[in-house]
Amino acid sequence: QVQLVESGGGLVQAGGSLRLSCAASGRTFSSYFMGWFRQAPGKEREFVAAIGWRGSIVYYVDSVKGRFTISRDNAKNTATLQMNSLKAADTAVYYCAAGTVVFGNQLHGVDYWGEGTLVTVSS
């Protein structure tokens, strides 16, 4: 069992930065791919980024490549999403996720979800 709690969301101006953190409980944290998804108002939830068990494999949706960086610290059971050069289109609720299935360069088959944290980017 893994519980995920996100933090770090908020309001930021376009071009600014935010750092989202995901704190995980459970002994098997290092066994999972960790990822971030987001859901904008009126839209479906979409994949943003994922990172492998050792942190050496990362995946990003094209729209955030070069601006977002995902990382993890297995010793601290945390995953982080550094978001730079934010755009109004990045406004969404961001969810931390833990899963074991990756194909098509995206995380699928999510086993655990966090509650989400709101990111609002003003233009």
N, C-alpha and C. Protein backbone atom coordinates (compact mmCIF):
# COMPACT_ATOMS: atom_id res chain seq x y z
N GLN A 1 0.84 -1.19 0.00
CA GLN A 1 0.00 0.00 0.00
C GLN A 1 0.87 1.24 0.00
N VAL A 2 0.55 2.19 -0.84
CA VAL A 2 1.29 3.45 -0.93
C VAL A 2 0.29 4.60 -0.85
N GLN A 3 0.55 5.54 0.00
CA GLN A 3 -0.25 6.77 0.07
C GLN A 3 0.59 7.93 -0.43
N LEU A 4 -0.02 8.77 -1.23
CA LEU A 4 0.69 9.89 -1.85
C LEU A 4 0.05 11.21 -1.45
N VAL A 5 0.89 12.17 -1.08
CA VAL A 5 0.40 13.49 -0.69
C VAL A 5 1.21 14.55 -1.43
N GLU A 6 0.51 15.35 -2.23
CA GLU A 6 1.18 16.40 -3.00
C GLU A 6 1.22 17.71 -2.21
N SER A 7 2.19 18.53 -2.56
CA SER A 7 2.27 19.89 -2.02
C SER A 7 3.02 20.76 -3.02
N GLY A 8 2.90 22.06 -2.83
CA GLY A 8 3.66 23.00 -3.66
C GLY A 8 2.88 23.73 -4.71
N GLY A 9 1.60 23.42 -4.87
CA GLY A 9 0.81 24.15 -5.84
C GLY A 9 0.56 25.58 -5.39
N GLY A 10 0.02 26.37 -6.32
CA GLY A 10 -0.29 27.76 -5.98
C GLY A 10 -0.49 28.59 -7.22
N LEU A 11 -0.48 29.89 -7.01
CA LEU A 11 -0.67 30.86 -8.08
C LEU A 11 0.66 31.46 -8.48
N VAL A 12 0.93 31.49 -9.77
CA VAL A 12 2.18 32.04 -10.27
C VAL A 12 1.92 32.75 -11.59
N GLN A 13 2.70 33.75 -11.87
CA GLN A 13 2.57 34.45 -13.15
C GLN A 13 3.23 33.64 -14.27
N ALA A 14 2.75 33.86 -15.46
CA ALA A 14 3.34 33.20 -16.62
C ALA A 14 4.83 33.52 -16.68
N GLY A 15 5.61 32.49 -16.99
CA GLY A 15 7.06 32.63 -17.00
C GLY A 15 7.72 32.28 -15.69
N GLY A 16 6.92 32.12 -14.66
CA GLY A 16 7.46 31.79 -13.35
C GLY A 16 7.67 30.31 -13.15
N SER A 17 8.01 29.94 -11.91
CA SER A 17 8.34 28.55 -11.58
C SER A 17 7.60 28.10 -10.34
N LEU A 18 7.36 26.81 -10.28
CA LEU A 18 6.82 26.16 -9.10
C LEU A 18 7.48 24.80 -8.95
N ARG A 19 7.52 24.34 -7.73
CA ARG A 19 8.10 23.02 -7.46
C ARG A 19 7.05 22.21 -6.70
N LEU A 20 6.61 21.14 -7.31
CA LEU A 20 5.64 20.25 -6.68
C LEU A 20 6.38 19.09 -6.03
N SER A 21 5.90 18.71 -4.87
CA SER A 21 6.48 17.58 -4.17
C SER A 21 5.40 16.54 -3.90
N CYS A 22 5.83 15.30 -3.87
CA CYS A 22 4.93 14.19 -3.57
C CYS A 22 5.59 13.35 -2.49
N ALA A 23 4.97 13.29 -1.34
CA ALA A 23 5.48 12.48 -0.24
C ALA A 23 4.73 11.15 -0.22
N ALA A 24 5.47 10.07 -0.22
CA ALA A 24 4.87 8.74 -0.27
C ALA A 24 5.13 7.99 1.02
N SER A 25 4.13 7.27 1.44
CA SER A 25 4.30 6.37 2.58
C SER A 25 4.20 4.95 2.06
N GLY A 26 4.89 4.06 2.71
CA GLY A 26 4.86 2.66 2.26
C GLY A 26 6.26 2.17 1.96
N ARG A 27 6.49 0.95 2.24
CA ARG A 27 7.82 0.39 2.10
C ARG A 27 8.22 0.12 0.67
N THR A 28 7.27 0.07 -0.24
CA THR A 28 7.56 -0.34 -1.61
C THR A 28 7.67 0.83 -2.57
N PHE A 29 7.89 2.03 -2.05
CA PHE A 29 7.96 3.22 -2.90
C PHE A 29 8.94 3.03 -4.04
N SER A 30 10.12 2.50 -3.76
CA SER A 30 11.15 2.39 -4.77
C SER A 30 10.81 1.36 -5.84
N SER A 31 9.77 0.58 -5.64
CA SER A 31 9.38 -0.43 -6.63
C SER A 31 8.52 0.14 -7.75
N TYR A 32 8.06 1.37 -7.59
CA TYR A 32 7.11 1.96 -8.53
C TYR A 32 7.74 3.01 -9.42
N PHE A 33 7.21 3.07 -10.64
CA PHE A 33 7.40 4.29 -11.41
C PHE A 33 6.59 5.38 -10.72
N MET A 34 7.14 6.55 -10.62
CA MET A 34 6.42 7.69 -10.08
C MET A 34 6.11 8.65 -11.22
N GLY A 35 4.94 9.22 -11.17
CA GLY A 35 4.56 10.11 -12.26
C GLY A 35 3.71 11.27 -11.79
N TRP A 36 3.53 12.19 -12.70
CA TRP A 36 2.64 13.34 -12.49
C TRP A 36 1.66 13.41 -13.65
N PHE A 37 0.43 13.62 -13.30
CA PHE A 37 -0.64 13.85 -14.26
C PHE A 37 -1.27 15.20 -13.93
N ARG A 38 -2.05 15.72 -14.85
CA ARG A 38 -2.76 16.95 -14.57
C ARG A 38 -4.12 16.93 -15.25
N GLN A 39 -5.02 17.69 -14.67
CA GLN A 39 -6.36 17.81 -15.23
C GLN A 39 -6.78 19.26 -15.21
N ALA A 40 -6.92 19.83 -16.38
CA ALA A 40 -7.37 21.21 -16.51
C ALA A 40 -8.90 21.23 -16.49
N PRO A 41 -9.47 22.38 -16.14
CA PRO A 41 -10.94 22.48 -16.11
C PRO A 41 -11.58 22.08 -17.43
N GLY A 42 -12.54 21.17 -17.37
CA GLY A 42 -13.26 20.75 -18.56
C GLY A 42 -12.51 19.79 -19.46
N LYS A 43 -11.34 19.33 -19.00
CA LYS A 43 -10.54 18.43 -19.82
C LYS A 43 -10.28 17.13 -19.08
N GLU A 44 -9.85 16.12 -19.83
CA GLU A 44 -9.51 14.85 -19.23
C GLU A 44 -8.14 14.93 -18.57
N ARG A 45 -7.93 14.03 -17.62
CA ARG A 45 -6.63 13.96 -16.99
C ARG A 45 -5.60 13.50 -18.02
N GLU A 46 -4.42 14.14 -17.99
CA GLU A 46 -3.39 13.79 -18.96
C GLU A 46 -2.06 13.53 -18.26
N PHE A 47 -1.28 12.68 -18.88
CA PHE A 47 0.06 12.37 -18.40
C PHE A 47 0.97 13.58 -18.58
N VAL A 48 1.84 13.81 -17.59
CA VAL A 48 2.80 14.91 -17.68
C VAL A 48 4.24 14.37 -17.69
N ALA A 49 4.58 13.55 -16.70
CA ALA A 49 5.96 13.07 -16.58
C ALA A 49 6.00 11.81 -15.71
N ALA A 50 7.04 11.02 -15.91
CA ALA A 50 7.25 9.83 -15.10
C ALA A 50 8.73 9.57 -14.96
N ILE A 51 9.08 8.85 -13.89
CA ILE A 51 10.47 8.53 -13.63
C ILE A 51 10.57 7.09 -13.14
N GLY A 52 11.61 6.39 -13.59
CA GLY A 52 11.79 5.00 -13.24
C GLY A 52 12.29 4.81 -11.82
N TRP A 53 12.44 3.52 -11.47
CA TRP A 53 12.79 3.19 -10.10
C TRP A 53 14.09 3.82 -9.63
N ARG A 54 15.09 3.81 -10.49
CA ARG A 54 16.40 4.34 -10.11
C ARG A 54 16.57 5.81 -10.47
N GLY A 55 15.60 6.37 -11.14
CA GLY A 55 15.69 7.77 -11.52
C GLY A 55 16.44 8.04 -12.80
N SER A 56 16.89 7.00 -13.47
CA SER A 56 17.68 7.18 -14.68
C SER A 56 16.83 7.23 -15.94
N ILE A 57 15.58 6.81 -15.85
CA ILE A 57 14.68 6.83 -16.99
C ILE A 57 13.56 7.82 -16.70
N VAL A 58 13.36 8.74 -17.61
CA VAL A 58 12.31 9.75 -17.43
C VAL A 58 11.51 9.88 -18.72
N TYR A 59 10.27 10.25 -18.57
CA TYR A 59 9.37 10.46 -19.71
C TYR A 59 8.63 11.77 -19.48
N TYR A 60 8.40 12.49 -20.57
CA TYR A 60 7.66 13.73 -20.50
C TYR A 60 6.69 13.83 -21.67
N VAL A 61 5.56 14.44 -21.43
CA VAL A 61 4.69 14.80 -22.54
C VAL A 61 5.37 15.92 -23.32
N ASP A 62 5.16 15.96 -24.60
CA ASP A 62 5.90 16.92 -25.44
C ASP A 62 5.72 18.37 -24.98
N SER A 63 4.56 18.69 -24.48
CA SER A 63 4.25 20.09 -24.15
C SER A 63 5.06 20.62 -22.97
N VAL A 64 5.70 19.75 -22.20
CA VAL A 64 6.47 20.23 -21.04
C VAL A 64 7.96 19.96 -21.17
N LYS A 65 8.37 19.28 -22.24
CA LYS A 65 9.79 18.98 -22.41
C LYS A 65 10.61 20.26 -22.45
N GLY A 66 11.72 20.25 -21.72
CA GLY A 66 12.57 21.42 -21.65
C GLY A 66 12.16 22.43 -20.60
N ARG A 67 10.96 22.26 -20.03
CA ARG A 67 10.49 23.20 -19.01
C ARG A 67 10.29 22.52 -17.66
N PHE A 68 9.86 21.27 -17.67
CA PHE A 68 9.60 20.54 -16.43
C PHE A 68 10.69 19.49 -16.22
N THR A 69 11.01 19.23 -14.94
CA THR A 69 11.97 18.20 -14.60
C THR A 69 11.42 17.36 -13.47
N ILE A 70 11.37 16.05 -13.68
CA ILE A 70 10.91 15.14 -12.64
C ILE A 70 12.11 14.49 -11.98
N SER A 71 12.03 14.28 -10.69
CA SER A 71 13.10 13.63 -9.95
C SER A 71 12.49 12.85 -8.79
N ARG A 72 13.31 12.01 -8.16
CA ARG A 72 12.84 11.26 -7.01
C ARG A 72 13.98 11.02 -6.06
N ASP A 73 13.64 10.81 -4.80
CA ASP A 73 14.61 10.47 -3.77
C ASP A 73 14.03 9.27 -3.02
N ASN A 74 14.52 8.09 -3.35
CA ASN A 74 13.96 6.87 -2.74
C ASN A 74 14.25 6.79 -1.24
N ALA A 75 15.34 7.41 -0.81
CA ALA A 75 15.67 7.39 0.62
C ALA A 75 14.66 8.21 1.42
N LYS A 76 14.12 9.24 0.79
CA LYS A 76 13.14 10.11 1.48
C LYS A 76 11.71 9.82 1.04
N ASN A 77 11.52 8.87 0.12
CA ASN A 77 10.19 8.55 -0.39
C ASN A 77 9.49 9.78 -0.96
N THR A 78 10.20 10.52 -1.78
CA THR A 78 9.62 11.72 -2.37
C THR A 78 9.85 11.74 -3.88
N ALA A 79 8.93 12.37 -4.56
CA ALA A 79 9.06 12.64 -5.99
C ALA A 79 8.77 14.13 -6.18
N THR A 80 9.46 14.74 -7.12
CA THR A 80 9.37 16.18 -7.29
C THR A 80 9.18 16.52 -8.77
N LEU A 81 8.41 17.56 -9.00
CA LEU A 81 8.25 18.07 -10.36
C LEU A 81 8.61 19.55 -10.33
N GLN A 82 9.74 19.88 -10.90
CA GLN A 82 10.17 21.27 -11.03
C GLN A 82 9.60 21.82 -12.32
N MET A 83 8.82 22.89 -12.21
CA MET A 83 8.15 23.46 -13.37
C MET A 83 8.65 24.87 -13.60
N ASN A 84 9.27 25.09 -14.73
CA ASN A 84 9.80 26.40 -15.10
C ASN A 84 9.09 26.93 -16.34
N SER A 85 9.24 28.20 -16.58
CA SER A 85 8.64 28.84 -17.76
C SER A 85 7.17 28.48 -17.89
N LEU A 86 6.47 28.61 -16.81
CA LEU A 86 5.07 28.20 -16.80
C LEU A 86 4.21 29.05 -17.71
N LYS A 87 3.21 28.39 -18.28
CA LYS A 87 2.30 29.04 -19.20
C LYS A 87 0.87 28.92 -18.65
N ALA A 88 0.00 29.75 -19.14
CA ALA A 88 -1.39 29.68 -18.72
C ALA A 88 -1.97 28.30 -19.00
N ALA A 89 -1.51 27.68 -20.08
CA ALA A 89 -1.99 26.34 -20.46
C ALA A 89 -1.58 25.26 -19.47
N ASP A 90 -0.66 25.58 -18.55
CA ASP A 90 -0.25 24.61 -17.53
C ASP A 90 -1.19 24.62 -16.33
N THR A 91 -2.13 25.54 -16.31
CA THR A 91 -3.08 25.60 -15.21
C THR A 91 -3.89 24.32 -15.12
N ALA A 92 -3.85 23.68 -13.95
CA ALA A 92 -4.53 22.40 -13.78
C ALA A 92 -4.36 21.94 -12.34
N VAL A 93 -5.10 20.91 -12.01
CA VAL A 93 -4.82 20.18 -10.77
C VAL A 93 -3.79 19.10 -11.13
N TYR A 94 -2.72 19.07 -10.38
CA TYR A 94 -1.63 18.13 -10.64
C TYR A 94 -1.71 16.98 -9.62
N TYR A 95 -1.63 15.77 -10.16
CA TYR A 95 -1.74 14.57 -9.34
C TYR A 95 -0.45 13.77 -9.38
N CYS A 96 -0.02 13.35 -8.23
CA CYS A 96 1.08 12.41 -8.12
C CYS A 96 0.54 11.01 -8.31
N ALA A 97 1.32 10.15 -8.94
CA ALA A 97 0.85 8.79 -9.22
C ALA A 97 1.98 7.79 -9.07
N ALA A 98 1.63 6.58 -8.70
CA ALA A 98 2.58 5.48 -8.61
C ALA A 98 2.04 4.31 -9.41
N GLY A 99 2.85 3.78 -10.29
CA GLY A 99 2.40 2.68 -11.13
C GLY A 99 3.56 1.83 -11.58
N THR A 100 3.23 0.78 -12.33
CA THR A 100 4.27 -0.15 -12.77
C THR A 100 4.29 -0.40 -14.26
N VAL A 101 3.41 0.23 -14.99
CA VAL A 101 3.31 -0.04 -16.43
C VAL A 101 3.63 1.22 -17.22
N VAL A 102 4.64 1.11 -18.07
CA VAL A 102 5.01 2.21 -18.96
C VAL A 102 5.03 1.69 -20.39
N PHE A 103 4.30 2.32 -21.26
CA PHE A 103 4.41 2.06 -22.70
C PHE A 103 4.00 3.31 -23.45
N GLY A 104 4.53 3.44 -24.64
CA GLY A 104 4.29 4.66 -25.39
C GLY A 104 4.85 5.88 -24.69
N ASN A 105 5.92 5.66 -23.91
CA ASN A 105 6.60 6.74 -23.19
C ASN A 105 5.68 7.45 -22.21
N GLN A 106 4.69 6.71 -21.69
CA GLN A 106 3.80 7.27 -20.69
C GLN A 106 3.54 6.23 -19.61
N LEU A 107 3.22 6.72 -18.44
CA LEU A 107 2.87 5.85 -17.33
C LEU A 107 1.41 5.44 -17.45
N HIS A 108 1.16 4.14 -17.38
CA HIS A 108 -0.20 3.62 -17.44
C HIS A 108 -0.42 2.69 -16.25
N GLY A 109 -1.64 2.26 -16.08
CA GLY A 109 -1.92 1.32 -15.02
C GLY A 109 -1.53 1.84 -13.66
N VAL A 110 -1.94 3.07 -13.35
CA VAL A 110 -1.60 3.68 -12.07
C VAL A 110 -2.28 2.92 -10.93
N ASP A 111 -1.48 2.57 -9.96
CA ASP A 111 -1.99 1.85 -8.79
C ASP A 111 -2.43 2.77 -7.67
N TYR A 112 -1.76 3.92 -7.55
CA TYR A 112 -2.07 4.85 -6.48
C TYR A 112 -2.07 6.28 -6.99
N TRP A 113 -3.00 7.06 -6.46
CA TRP A 113 -3.12 8.47 -6.81
C TRP A 113 -3.07 9.32 -5.55
N GLY A 114 -2.50 10.51 -5.70
CA GLY A 114 -2.64 11.50 -4.65
C GLY A 114 -3.94 12.27 -4.82
N GLU A 115 -4.19 13.18 -3.90
CA GLU A 115 -5.42 13.96 -3.93
C GLU A 115 -5.37 15.12 -4.92
N GLY A 116 -4.18 15.53 -5.27
CA GLY A 116 -4.02 16.60 -6.23
C GLY A 116 -3.68 17.93 -5.59
N THR A 117 -2.98 18.77 -6.33
CA THR A 117 -2.66 20.12 -5.88
C THR A 117 -2.86 21.06 -7.06
N LEU A 118 -3.49 22.21 -6.79
CA LEU A 118 -3.87 23.13 -7.86
C LEU A 118 -2.72 24.06 -8.22
N VAL A 119 -2.47 24.13 -9.51
CA VAL A 119 -1.50 25.08 -10.05
C VAL A 119 -2.26 26.04 -10.96
N THR A 120 -2.16 27.32 -10.67
CA THR A 120 -2.81 28.34 -11.47
C THR A 120 -1.76 29.29 -12.01
N VAL A 121 -1.71 29.43 -13.32
CA VAL A 121 -0.74 30.31 -13.96
C VAL A 121 -1.51 31.47 -14.59
N SER A 122 -1.23 32.66 -14.13
CA SER A 122 -1.91 33.83 -14.64
C SER A 122 -1.13 34.42 -15.81
N SER A 123 -1.86 34.85 -16.80
CA SER A 123 -1.19 35.40 -18.00
C SER A 123 -1.16 36.90 -17.96
